[in-house]
PDB file of N, CA and C in Angstrom:
ATOM      1  N   MET A   1     112.947 108.603  93.887  1.00  0.00           N
ATOM      2  CA  MET A   1     113.263 109.475  92.787  1.00  0.00           C
ATOM      3  C   MET A   1     113.525 108.625  91.554  1.00  0.00           C
ATOM      4  N   PRO A   2     112.924 108.947  90.428  1.00  0.00           N
ATOM      5  CA  PRO A   2     113.117 108.168  89.216  1.00  0.00           C
ATOM      6  C   PRO A   2     114.550 108.283  88.700  1.00  0.00           C
ATOM      7  N   HIS A   3     114.989 107.240  88.036  1.00  0.00           N
ATOM      8  CA  HIS A   3     116.314 107.209  87.437  1.00  0.00           C
ATOM      9  C   HIS A   3     116.174 106.858  85.969  1.00  0.00           C
ATOM     10  N   ASN A   4     117.089 107.365  85.155  1.00  0.00           N
ATOM     11  CA  ASN A   4     117.074 106.904  83.775  1.00  0.00           C
ATOM     12  C   ASN A   4     117.852 105.604  83.695  1.00  0.00           C
ATOM     13  N   ARG A   5     117.760 104.923  82.586  1.00  0.00           N
ATOM     14  CA  ARG A   5     118.382 103.607  82.455  1.00  0.00           C
ATOM     15  C   ARG A   5     119.889 103.628  82.678  1.00  0.00           C
ATOM     16  N   ALA A   6     120.552 104.704  82.305  1.00  0.00           N
ATOM     17  CA  ALA A   6     122.006 104.755  82.405  1.00  0.00           C
ATOM     18  C   ALA A   6     122.490 104.868  83.846  1.00  0.00           C
ATOM     19  N   SER A   7     121.638 105.287  84.770  1.00  0.00           N
ATOM     20  CA  SER A   7     122.113 105.537  86.121  1.00  0.00           C
ATOM     21  C   SER A   7     121.620 104.524  87.150  1.00  0.00           C
ATOM     22  N   LEU A   8     121.048 103.413  86.737  1.00  0.00           N
ATOM     23  CA  LEU A   8     120.542 102.431  87.686  1.00  0.00           C
ATOM     24  C   LEU A   8     121.673 101.578  88.248  1.00  0.00           C
ATOM     25  N   PHE A   9     121.637 101.347  89.558  1.00  0.00           N
ATOM     26  CA  PHE A   9     122.636 100.521  90.209  1.00  0.00           C
ATOM     27  C   PHE A   9     121.940  99.490  91.069  1.00  0.00           C
ATOM     28  N   CYS A  10     122.567  98.317  91.225  1.00  0.00           N
ATOM     29  CA  CYS A  10     122.054  97.271  92.099  1.00  0.00           C
ATOM     30  C   CYS A  10     122.539  97.563  93.513  1.00  0.00           C
ATOM     31  N   PRO A  11     121.639  97.762  94.491  1.00  0.00           N
ATOM     32  CA  PRO A  11     122.094  98.088  95.828  1.00  0.00           C
ATOM     33  C   PRO A  11     122.882  96.970  96.498  1.00  0.00           C
ATOM     34  N   SER A  12     122.564  95.721  96.219  1.00  0.00           N
ATOM     35  CA  SER A  12     123.254  94.639  96.912  1.00  0.00           C
ATOM     36  C   SER A  12     124.660  94.399  96.382  1.00  0.00           C
ATOM     37  N   THR A  13     124.898  94.718  95.121  1.00  0.00           N
ATOM     38  CA  THR A  13     126.216  94.471  94.552  1.00  0.00           C
ATOM     39  C   THR A  13     126.980  95.740  94.271  1.00  0.00           C
ATOM     40  N   MET A  14     126.290  96.891  94.304  1.00  0.00           N
ATOM     41  CA  MET A  14     126.878  98.187  94.018  1.00  0.00           C
ATOM     42  C   MET A  14     127.507  98.226  92.629  1.00  0.00           C
ATOM     43  N   SER A  15     126.984  97.447  91.711  1.00  0.00           N
ATOM     44  CA  SER A  15     127.451  97.482  90.334  1.00  0.00           C
ATOM     45  C   SER A  15     126.283  97.899  89.454  1.00  0.00           C
ATOM     46  N   GLU A  16     126.611  98.308  88.251  1.00  0.00           N
ATOM     47  CA  GLU A  16     125.547  98.746  87.357  1.00  0.00           C
ATOM     48  C   GLU A  16     124.639  97.579  86.995  1.00  0.00           C
ATOM     49  N   THR A  17     123.370  97.879  86.877  1.00  0.00           N
ATOM     50  CA  THR A  17     122.398  96.881  86.468  1.00  0.00           C
ATOM     51  C   THR A  17     122.538  96.662  84.976  1.00  0.00           C
ATOM     52  N   SER A  18     122.599  95.418  84.571  1.00  0.00           N
ATOM     53  CA  SER A  18     122.671  95.085  83.157  1.00  0.00           C
ATOM     54  C   SER A  18     121.393  95.531  82.459  1.00  0.00           C
ATOM     55  N   THR A  19     121.518  95.981  81.238  1.00  0.00           N
ATOM     56  CA  THR A  19     120.331  96.424  80.506  1.00  0.00           C
ATOM     57  C   THR A  19     119.328  95.288  80.317  1.00  0.00           C
ATOM     58  N   LYS A  20     119.786  94.037  80.336  1.00  0.00           N
ATOM     59  CA  LYS A  20     118.833  92.923  80.217  1.00  0.00           C
ATOM     60  C   LYS A  20     118.017  92.751  81.484  1.00  0.00           C
ATOM     61  N   ASP A  21     118.447  93.370  82.581  1.00  0.00           N
ATOM     62  CA  ASP A  21     117.718  93.290  83.846  1.00  0.00           C
ATOM     63  C   ASP A  21     116.831  94.510  84.078  1.00  0.00           C
ATOM     64  N   ILE A  22     116.715  95.372  83.074  1.00  0.00           N
ATOM     65  CA  ILE A  22     115.827  96.531  83.123  1.00  0.00           C
ATOM     66  C   ILE A  22     114.719  96.275  82.116  1.00  0.00           C
ATOM     67  N   ILE A  23     113.494  96.187  82.614  1.00  0.00           N
ATOM     68  CA  ILE A  23     112.377  95.729  81.784  1.00  0.00           C
ATOM     69  C   ILE A  23     111.189  96.669  81.954  1.00  0.00           C
ATOM     70  N   ALA A  24     110.562  96.999  80.856  1.00  0.00           N
ATOM     71  CA  ALA A  24     109.343  97.814  80.933  1.00  0.00           C
ATOM     72  C   ALA A  24     108.271  97.029  81.682  1.00  0.00           C
ATOM     73  N   ILE A  25     107.560  97.689  82.549  1.00  0.00           N
ATOM     74  CA  ILE A  25     106.532  97.020  83.354  1.00  0.00           C
ATOM     75  C   ILE A  25     105.480  96.353  82.478  1.00  0.00           C
ATOM     76  N   THR A  26     105.192  96.931  81.337  1.00  0.00           N
ATOM     77  CA  THR A  26     104.192  96.339  80.445  1.00  0.00           C
ATOM     78  C   THR A  26     104.680  94.985  79.912  1.00  0.00           C
ATOM     79  N   ARG A  27     105.974  94.846  79.665  1.00  0.00           N
ATOM     80  CA  ARG A  27     106.529  93.557  79.217  1.00  0.00           C
ATOM     81  C   ARG A  27     106.688  92.586  80.381  1.00  0.00           C
ATOM     82  N   ALA A  28     106.972  93.125  81.558  1.00  0.00           N
ATOM     83  CA  ALA A  28     107.199  92.271  82.726  1.00  0.00           C
ATOM     84  C   ALA A  28     105.932  91.533  83.147  1.00  0.00           C
ATOM     85  N   ARG A  29     104.788  92.159  82.952  1.00  0.00           N
ATOM     86  CA  ARG A  29     103.519  91.530  83.357  1.00  0.00           C
ATOM     87  C   ARG A  29     103.381  90.121  82.788  1.00  0.00           C
ATOM     88  N   ALA A  30     103.652  89.983  81.511  1.00  0.00           N
ATOM     89  CA  ALA A  30     103.460  88.697  80.843  1.00  0.00           C
ATOM     90  C   ALA A  30     104.542  87.680  81.228  1.00  0.00           C
ATOM     91  N   ARG A  31     105.662  88.156  81.768  1.00  0.00           N
ATOM     92  CA  ARG A  31     106.797  87.275  82.050  1.00  0.00           C
ATOM     93  C   ARG A  31     107.127  87.202  83.539  1.00  0.00           C
ATOM     94  N   LEU A  32     106.203  87.580  84.408  1.00  0.00           N
ATOM     95  CA  LEU A  32     106.520  87.718  85.824  1.00  0.00           C
ATOM     96  C   LEU A  32     107.071  86.432  86.436  1.00  0.00           C
ATOM     97  N   THR A  33     106.446  85.298  86.164  1.00  0.00           N
ATOM     98  CA  THR A  33     106.932  84.039  86.736  1.00  0.00           C
ATOM     99  C   THR A  33     108.341  83.733  86.255  1.00  0.00           C
ATOM    100  N   GLU A  34     108.585  83.899  84.974  1.00  0.00           N
ATOM    101  CA  GLU A  34     109.920  83.665  84.411  1.00  0.00           C
ATOM    102  C   GLU A  34     110.953  84.605  85.041  1.00  0.00           C
ATOM    103  N   LEU A  35     110.598  85.873  85.179  1.00  0.00           N
ATOM    104  CA  LEU A  35     111.509  86.850  85.763  1.00  0.00           C
ATOM    105  C   LEU A  35     111.776  86.539  87.234  1.00  0.00           C
ATOM    106  N   ALA A  36     110.729  86.158  87.975  1.00  0.00           N
ATOM    107  CA  ALA A  36     110.885  85.805  89.387  1.00  0.00           C
ATOM    108  C   ALA A  36     111.779  84.579  89.538  1.00  0.00           C
ATOM    109  N   ASP A  37     111.603  83.587  88.674  1.00  0.00           N
ATOM    110  CA  ASP A  37     112.467  82.397  88.711  1.00  0.00           C
ATOM    111  C   ASP A  37     113.918  82.780  88.463  1.00  0.00           C
ATOM    112  N   ASP A  38     114.160  83.678  87.513  1.00  0.00           N
ATOM    113  CA  ASP A  38     115.526  84.111  87.201  1.00  0.00           C
ATOM    114  C   ASP A  38     116.144  84.839  88.392  1.00  0.00           C
ATOM    115  N   VAL A  39     115.384  85.726  89.013  1.00  0.00           N
ATOM    116  CA  VAL A  39     115.888  86.451  90.186  1.00  0.00           C
ATOM    117  C   VAL A  39     116.187  85.470  91.310  1.00  0.00           C
ATOM    118  N   SER A  40     115.298  84.511  91.521  1.00  0.00           N
ATOM    119  CA  SER A  40     115.483  83.523  92.574  1.00  0.00           C
ATOM    120  C   SER A  40     116.737  82.687  92.350  1.00  0.00           C
ATOM    121  N   LYS A  41     116.982  82.297  91.095  1.00  0.00           N
ATOM    122  CA  LYS A  41     118.133  81.446  90.781  1.00  0.00           C
ATOM    123  C   LYS A  41     119.447  82.210  90.760  1.00  0.00           C
ATOM    124  N   THR A  42     119.447  83.429  90.206  1.00  0.00           N
ATOM    125  CA  THR A  42     120.698  84.167  90.014  1.00  0.00           C
ATOM    126  C   THR A  42     120.971  85.201  91.093  1.00  0.00           C
ATOM    127  N   GLY A  43     119.928  85.659  91.777  1.00  0.00           N
ATOM    128  CA  GLY A  43     120.097  86.721  92.756  1.00  0.00           C
ATOM    129  C   GLY A  43     120.234  88.098  92.135  1.00  0.00           C
ATOM    130  N   ARG A  44     120.134  88.182  90.805  1.00  0.00           N
ATOM    131  CA  ARG A  44     120.250  89.475  90.114  1.00  0.00           C
ATOM    132  C   ARG A  44     118.899  90.168  90.088  1.00  0.00           C
ATOM    133  N   GLU A  45     118.894  91.393  90.580  1.00  0.00           N
ATOM    134  CA  GLU A  45     117.656  92.161  90.622  1.00  0.00           C
ATOM    135  C   GLU A  45     117.149  92.475  89.232  1.00  0.00           C
ATOM    136  N   LYS A  46     115.863  92.662  89.135  1.00  0.00           N
ATOM    137  CA  LYS A  46     115.234  93.166  87.912  1.00  0.00           C
ATOM    138  C   LYS A  46     114.633  94.520  88.253  1.00  0.00           C
ATOM    139  N   VAL A  47     114.823  95.493  87.389  1.00  0.00           N
ATOM    140  CA  VAL A  47     114.235  96.814  87.571  1.00  0.00           C
ATOM    141  C   VAL A  47     113.174  96.987  86.511  1.00  0.00           C
ATOM    142  N   PHE A  48     111.960  97.267  86.960  1.00  0.00           N
ATOM    143  CA  PHE A  48     110.855  97.500  86.029  1.00  0.00           C
ATOM    144  C   PHE A  48     110.719  99.000  85.839  1.00  0.00           C
ATOM    145  N   THR A  49     110.546  99.393  84.587  1.00  0.00           N
ATOM    146  CA  THR A  49     110.402 100.806  84.269  1.00  0.00           C
ATOM    147  C   THR A  49     108.974 101.118  83.872  1.00  0.00           C
ATOM    148  N   LYS A  50     108.614 102.362  84.044  1.00  0.00           N
ATOM    149  CA  LYS A  50     107.310 102.864  83.626  1.00  0.00           C
ATOM    150  C   LYS A  50     107.577 104.225  82.988  1.00  0.00           C
ATOM    151  N   ASN A  51     107.130 104.370  81.759  1.00  0.00           N
ATOM    152  CA  ASN A  51     107.384 105.599  81.006  1.00  0.00           C
ATOM    153  C   ASN A  51     108.875 105.918  80.926  1.00  0.00           C
ATOM    154  N   GLY A  52     109.698 104.864  80.828  1.00  0.00           N
ATOM    155  CA  GLY A  52     111.134 105.031  80.646  1.00  0.00           C
ATOM    156  C   GLY A  52     111.928 105.320  81.900  1.00  0.00           C
ATOM    157  N   GLU A  53     111.295 105.346  83.057  1.00  0.00           N
ATOM    158  CA  GLU A  53     112.004 105.626  84.300  1.00  0.00           C
ATOM    159  C   GLU A  53     111.819 104.463  85.268  1.00  0.00           C
ATOM    160  N   SER A  54     112.800 104.284  86.181  1.00  0.00           N
ATOM    161  CA  SER A  54     112.690 103.194  87.147  1.00  0.00           C
ATOM    162  C   SER A  54     111.409 103.348  87.945  1.00  0.00           C
ATOM    163  N   TYR A  55     110.783 102.217  88.229  1.00  0.00           N
ATOM    164  CA  TYR A  55     109.470 102.223  88.871  1.00  0.00           C
ATOM    165  C   TYR A  55     109.494 101.339  90.118  1.00  0.00           C
ATOM    166  N   VAL A  56     109.763 100.054  89.945  1.00  0.00           N
ATOM    167  CA  VAL A  56     109.863  99.104  91.055  1.00  0.00           C
ATOM    168  C   VAL A  56     110.959  98.102  90.725  1.00  0.00           C
ATOM    169  N   ALA A  57     111.351  97.325  91.743  1.00  0.00           N
ATOM    170  CA  ALA A  57     112.377  96.311  91.539  1.00  0.00           C
ATOM    171  C   ALA A  57     111.876  94.960  92.035  1.00  0.00           C
ATOM    172  N   LEU A  58     112.368  93.919  91.410  1.00  0.00           N
ATOM    173  CA  LEU A  58     112.076  92.549  91.818  1.00  0.00           C
ATOM    174  C   LEU A  58     113.367  91.984  92.395  1.00  0.00           C
ATOM    175  N   ILE A  59     113.321  91.616  93.681  1.00  0.00           N
ATOM    176  CA  ILE A  59     114.489  91.066  94.364  1.00  0.00           C
ATOM    177  C   ILE A  59     114.064  89.800  95.093  1.00  0.00           C
ATOM    178  N   THR A  60     115.038  89.031  95.564  1.00  0.00           N
ATOM    179  CA  THR A  60     114.713  87.819  96.310  1.00  0.00           C
ATOM    180  C   THR A  60     114.230  88.190  97.714  1.00  0.00           C
ATOM    181  N   ALA A  61     113.545  87.270  98.330  1.00  0.00           N
ATOM    182  CA  ALA A  61     113.085  87.489  99.707  1.00  0.00           C
ATOM    183  C   ALA A  61     114.290  87.677 100.638  1.00  0.00           C
ATOM    184  N   GLY A  62     115.364  86.946 100.366  1.00  0.00           N
ATOM    185  CA  GLY A  62     116.578  87.100 101.169  1.00  0.00           C
ATOM    186  C   GLY A  62     117.181  88.493 101.035  1.00  0.00           C
ATOM    187  N   GLN A  63     117.171  89.020  99.812  1.00  0.00           N
ATOM    188  CA  GLN A  63     117.672  90.377  99.605  1.00  0.00           C
ATOM    189  C   GLN A  63     116.807  91.396 100.337  1.00  0.00           C
ATOM    190  N   LEU A  64     115.494  91.178 100.337  1.00  0.00           N
ATOM    191  CA  LEU A  64     114.594  92.069 101.059  1.00  0.00           C
ATOM    192  C   LEU A  64     114.871  92.003 102.558  1.00  0.00           C
ATOM    193  N   ASP A  65     115.066  90.796 103.083  1.00  0.00           N
ATOM    194  CA  ASP A  65     115.406  90.641 104.500  1.00  0.00           C
ATOM    195  C   ASP A  65     116.706  91.375 104.823  1.00  0.00           C
ATOM    196  N   ASP A  66     117.715  91.209 103.949  1.00  0.00           N
ATOM    197  CA  ASP A  66     118.992  91.899 104.153  1.00  0.00           C
ATOM    198  C   ASP A  66     118.806  93.415 104.159  1.00  0.00           C
ATOM    199  N   LEU A  67     118.012  93.912 103.233  1.00  0.00           N
ATOM    200  CA  LEU A  67     117.753  95.347 103.158  1.00  0.00           C
ATOM    201  C   LEU A  67     117.072  95.841 104.427  1.00  0.00           C
ATOM    202  N   ARG A  68     116.099  95.089 104.899  1.00  0.00           N
ATOM    203  CA  ARG A  68     115.406  95.481 106.135  1.00  0.00           C
ATOM    204  C   ARG A  68     116.354  95.490 107.327  1.00  0.00           C
ATOM    205  N   ARG A  69     117.202  94.448 107.440  1.00  0.00           N
ATOM    206  CA  ARG A  69     118.167  94.395 108.542  1.00  0.00           C
ATOM    207  C   ARG A  69     119.156  95.557 108.442  1.00  0.00           C
ATOM    208  N   PHE A  70     119.602  95.861 107.223  1.00  0.00           N
ATOM    209  CA  PHE A  70     120.530  96.971 107.016  1.00  0.00           C
ATOM    210  C   PHE A  70     119.889  98.286 107.445  1.00  0.00           C
ATOM    211  N   ARG A  71     118.649  98.518 107.025  1.00  0.00           N
ATOM    212  CA  ARG A  71     117.957  99.758 107.389  1.00  0.00           C
ATOM    213  C   ARG A  71     117.776  99.863 108.900  1.00  0.00           C
ATOM    214  N   GLU A  72     117.429  98.742 109.547  1.00  0.00           N
ATOM    215  CA  GLU A  72     117.255  98.771 110.991  1.00  0.00           C
ATOM    216  C   GLU A  72     118.575  99.070 111.685  1.00  0.00           C
ATOM    217  N   ALA A  73     119.651  98.408 111.238  1.00  0.00           N
ATOM    218  CA  ALA A  73     120.969  98.648 111.836  1.00  0.00           C
ATOM    219  C   ALA A  73     121.414 100.090 111.609  1.00  0.00           C
ATOM    220  N   GLU A  74     121.148 100.608 110.416  1.00  0.00           N
ATOM    221  CA  GLU A  74     121.500 101.996 110.116  1.00  0.00           C
ATOM    222  C   GLU A  74     120.725 102.948 111.017  1.00  0.00           C
ATOM    223  N   HIS A  75     119.438 102.684 111.195  1.00  0.00           N
ATOM    224  CA  HIS A  75     118.597 103.503 112.061  1.00  0.00           C
ATOM    225  C   HIS A  75     119.111 103.467 113.502  1.00  0.00           C
ATOM    226  N   LEU A  76     119.399 102.273 114.009  1.00  0.00           N
ATOM    227  CA  LEU A  76     119.897 102.142 115.382  1.00  0.00           C
ATOM    228  C   LEU A  76     121.252 102.829 115.544  1.00  0.00           C
ATOM    229  N   SER A  77     122.090 102.744 114.521  1.00  0.00           N
ATOM    230  CA  SER A  77     123.390 103.410 114.565  1.00  0.00           C
ATOM    231  C   SER A  77     123.230 104.924 114.651  1.00  0.00           C
ATOM    232  N   LYS A  78     122.297 105.459 113.883  1.00  0.00           N
ATOM    233  CA  LYS A  78     122.048 106.905 113.937  1.00  0.00           C
ATOM    234  C   LYS A  78     121.503 107.318 115.298  1.00  0.00           C
ATOM    235  N   LEU A  79     120.598 106.524 115.853  1.00  0.00           N
ATOM    236  CA  LEU A  79     120.072 106.826 117.179  1.00  0.00           C
ATOM    237  C   LEU A  79     121.177 106.794 118.230  1.00  0.00           C
ATOM    238  N   ALA A  80     122.049 105.800 118.156  1.00  0.00           N
ATOM    239  CA  ALA A  80     123.156 105.704 119.108  1.00  0.00           C
ATOM    240  C   ALA A  80     124.077 106.920 118.994  1.00  0.00           C
ATOM    241  N   ALA A  81     124.332 107.365 117.759  1.00  0.00           N
ATOM    242  CA  ALA A  81     125.178 108.547 117.559  1.00  0.00           C
ATOM    243  C   ALA A  81     124.529 109.795 118.143  1.00  0.00           C
ATOM    244  N   LEU A  82     123.206 109.902 118.004  1.00  0.00           N
ATOM    245  CA  LEU A  82     122.495 111.052 118.570  1.00  0.00           C
ATOM    246  C   LEU A  82     122.549 111.037 120.097  1.00  0.00           C
ATOM    247  N   VAL A  83     122.375 109.873 120.695  1.00  0.00           N
ATOM    248  CA  VAL A  83     122.455 109.754 122.147  1.00  0.00           C
ATOM    249  C   VAL A  83     123.853 110.130 122.623  1.00  0.00           C
ATOM    250  N   GLU A  84     124.869 109.616 121.930  1.00  0.00           N
ATOM    251  CA  GLU A  84     126.250 109.929 122.287  1.00  0.00           C
ATOM    252  C   GLU A  84     126.525 111.429 122.163  1.00  0.00           C
ATOM    253  N   ALA A  85     126.022 112.041 121.100  1.00  0.00           N
ATOM    254  CA  ALA A  85     126.213 113.479 120.906  1.00  0.00           C
ATOM    255  C   ALA A  85     125.537 114.269 122.019  1.00  0.00           C
ATOM    256  N   ALA A  86     124.333 113.877 122.390  1.00  0.00           N
ATOM    257  CA  ALA A  86     123.621 114.568 123.465  1.00  0.00           C
ATOM    258  C   ALA A  86     124.381 114.439 124.784  1.00  0.00           C
ATOM    259  N   GLU A  87     124.910 113.246 125.042  1.00  0.00           N
ATOM    260  CA  GLU A  87     125.700 113.045 126.264  1.00  0.00           C
ATOM    261  C   GLU A  87     126.960 113.903 126.247  1.00  0.00           C
ATOM    262  N   ASP A  88     127.607 114.003 125.083  1.00  0.00           N
ATOM    263  CA  ASP A  88     128.799 114.855 124.967  1.00  0.00           C
ATOM    264  C   ASP A  88     128.459 116.311 125.257  1.00  0.00           C
ATOM    265  N   ILE A  89     127.354 116.788 124.718  1.00  0.00           N
ATOM    266  CA  ILE A  89     126.943 118.181 124.934  1.00  0.00           C
ATOM    267  C   ILE A  89     126.637 118.413 126.409  1.00  0.00           C
ATOM    268  N   GLU A  90     125.881 117.495 127.010  1.00  0.00           N
ATOM    269  CA  GLU A  90     125.521 117.638 128.418  1.00  0.00           C
ATOM    270  C   GLU A  90     126.733 117.637 129.333  1.00  0.00           C
ATOM    271  N   SER A  91     127.771 116.890 128.979  1.00  0.00           N
ATOM    272  CA  SER A  91     128.961 116.805 129.835  1.00  0.00           C
ATOM    273  C   SER A  91     130.014 117.850 129.470  1.00  0.00           C
ATOM    274  N   GLY A  92     129.698 118.692 128.476  1.00  0.00           N
ATOM    275  CA  GLY A  92     130.633 119.758 128.116  1.00  0.00           C
ATOM    276  C   GLY A  92     131.732 119.335 127.155  1.00  0.00           C
ATOM    277  N   ARG A  93     131.628 118.161 126.601  1.00  0.00           N
ATOM    278  CA  ARG A  93     132.637 117.706 125.621  1.00  0.00           C
ATOM    279  C   ARG A  93     132.258 118.271 124.246  1.00  0.00           C
ATOM    280  N   VAL A  94     132.544 119.530 124.058  1.00  0.00           N
ATOM    281  CA  VAL A  94     132.230 120.211 122.808  1.00  0.00           C
ATOM    282  C   VAL A  94     133.467 120.960 122.328  1.00  0.00           C
ATOM    283  N   TYR A  95     133.490 121.323 121.056  1.00  0.00           N
ATOM    284  CA  TYR A  95     134.607 122.027 120.444  1.00  0.00           C
ATOM    285  C   TYR A  95     134.092 123.300 119.779  1.00  0.00           C
ATOM    286  N   ALA A  96     134.913 124.323 119.791  1.00  0.00           N
ATOM    287  CA  ALA A  96     134.647 125.495 118.953  1.00  0.00           C
ATOM    288  C   ALA A  96     134.931 125.071 117.514  1.00  0.00           C
ATOM    289  N   TRP A  97     134.225 125.667 116.546  1.00  0.00           N
ATOM    290  CA  TRP A  97     134.363 125.258 115.147  1.00  0.00           C
ATOM    291  C   TRP A  97     135.809 125.342 114.672  1.00  0.00           C
ATOM    292  N   ASP A  98     136.504 126.406 114.989  1.00  0.00           N
ATOM    293  CA  ASP A  98     137.900 126.563 114.534  1.00  0.00           C
ATOM    294  C   ASP A  98     138.817 125.494 115.128  1.00  0.00           C
ATOM    295  N   ASP A  99     138.498 125.037 116.338  1.00  0.00           N
ATOM    296  CA  ASP A  99     139.283 123.959 116.954  1.00  0.00           C
ATOM    297  C   ASP A  99     138.921 122.601 116.355  1.00  0.00           C
ATOM    298  N   PHE A 100     137.676 122.476 115.899  1.00  0.00           N
ATOM    299  CA  PHE A 100     137.199 121.188 115.403  1.00  0.00           C
ATOM    300  C   PHE A 100     137.580 120.937 113.949  1.00  0.00           C
ATOM    301  N   LYS A 101     137.737 121.978 113.129  1.00  0.00           N
ATOM    302  CA  LYS A 101     138.023 121.794 111.690  1.00  0.00           C
ATOM    303  C   LYS A 101     139.220 120.883 111.424  1.00  0.00           C
ATOM    304  N   PRO A 102     140.378 121.076 112.105  1.00  0.00           N
ATOM    305  CA  PRO A 102     141.510 120.160 111.836  1.00  0.00           C
ATOM    306  C   PRO A 102     141.196 118.715 112.228  1.00  0.00           C
ATOM    307  N   ARG A 103     140.467 118.549 113.319  1.00  0.00           N
ATOM    308  CA  ARG A 103     140.097 117.196 113.736  1.00  0.00           C
ATOM    309  C   ARG A 103     139.171 116.553 112.710  1.00  0.00           C
ATOM    310  N   LEU A 104     138.224 117.326 112.196  1.00  0.00           N
ATOM    311  CA  LEU A 104     137.316 116.825 111.172  1.00  0.00           C
ATOM    312  C   LEU A 104     138.084 116.414 109.918  1.00  0.00           C
ATOM    313  N   ALA A 105     139.077 117.204 109.534  1.00  0.00           N
ATOM    314  CA  ALA A 105     139.895 116.859 108.362  1.00  0.00           C
ATOM    315  C   ALA A 105     140.611 115.532 108.579  1.00  0.00           C
ATOM    316  N   ARG A 106     141.141 115.304 109.781  1.00  0.00           N
ATOM    317  CA  ARG A 106     141.812 114.029 110.080  1.00  0.00           C
ATOM    318  C   ARG A 106     140.827 112.865 110.048  1.00  0.00           C
ATOM    319  N   LEU A 107     139.622 113.083 110.595  1.00  0.00           N
ATOM    320  CA  LEU A 107     138.602 112.025 110.582  1.00  0.00           C
ATOM    321  C   LEU A 107     138.182 111.682 109.160  1.00  0.00           C
ATOM    322  N   ARG A 108     138.004 112.692 108.321  1.00  0.00           N
ATOM    323  CA  ARG A 108     137.633 112.439 106.926  1.00  0.00           C
ATOM    324  C   ARG A 108     138.729 111.697 106.188  1.00  0.00           C
ATOM    325  N   ALA A 109     139.978 112.074 106.423  1.00  0.00           N
ATOM    326  CA  ALA A 109     141.105 111.388 105.775  1.00  0.00           C
ATOM    327  C   ALA A 109     141.154 109.928 106.212  1.00  0.00           C
ATOM    328  N   LYS A 110     140.930 109.682 107.499  1.00  0.00           N
ATOM    329  CA  LYS A 110     140.916 108.302 108.002  1.00  0.00           C
ATOM    330  C   LYS A 110     139.780 107.510 107.351  1.00  0.00           C
ATOM    331  N   ALA A 111     138.616 108.119 107.231  1.00  0.00           N
ATOM    332  CA  ALA A 111     137.465 107.438 106.600  1.00  0.00           C
ATOM    333  C   ALA A 111     137.773 107.108 105.146  1.00  0.00           C
ATOM    334  N   ARG A 112     138.429 108.015 104.433  1.00  0.00           N
ATOM    335  CA  ARG A 112     138.802 107.734 103.029  1.00  0.00           C
ATOM    336  C   ARG A 112     139.787 106.582 102.937  1.00  0.00           C
ATOM    337  N   ARG A 113     140.751 106.527 103.863  1.00  0.00           N
ATOM    338  CA  ARG A 113     141.725 105.416 103.860  1.00  0.00           C
ATOM    339  C   ARG A 113     141.012 104.087 104.103  1.00  0.00           C
ATOM    340  N   ILE A 114     140.089 104.082 105.047  1.00  0.00           N
ATOM    341  CA  ILE A 114     139.356 102.850 105.354  1.00  0.00           C
ATOM    342  C   ILE A 114     138.512 102.427 104.157  1.00  0.00           C
ATOM    343  N   ALA A 115     137.851 103.391 103.525  1.00  0.00           N
ATOM    344  CA  ALA A 115     136.998 103.083 102.377  1.00  0.00           C
ATOM    345  C   ALA A 115     137.805 102.583 101.183  1.00  0.00           C
ATOM    346  N   ALA A 116     139.054 102.990 101.080  1.00  0.00           N
ATOM    347  CA  ALA A 116     139.891 102.597  99.950  1.00  0.00           C
ATOM    348  C   ALA A 116     140.418 101.172 100.067  1.00  0.00           C
ATOM    349  N   ARG A 117     140.296 100.571 101.225  1.00  0.00           N
ATOM    350  CA  ARG A 117     140.828  99.197 101.418  1.00  0.00           C
ATOM    351  C   ARG A 117     140.073  98.194 100.613  1.00  0.00           C
TER     352      ARG A 117
END
């Protein structure tokens, strides 16, 4: 999904991308080696825009490897959760919605506390 310049974020640092790291693709073509060297040295992503919207990003090979490992781990985690849920259903470890709502509220509160650390 395209983003405007004000809403771009760096996934590896979770901070806003500096406007100097957002470059029109037409300008990036002529400076690709320079931009790649900068990304390699600093680790700061470059976002290329097309028609004023985010188009592609230039990241280090290490960042790409990290992203791939993260996606794989996330995928495996979701699969494990699905297997666990299926096992719970098969063994009868289920809750009625009214019984589960208070437990869900406690789980969400715990997740917020952990995220706030």
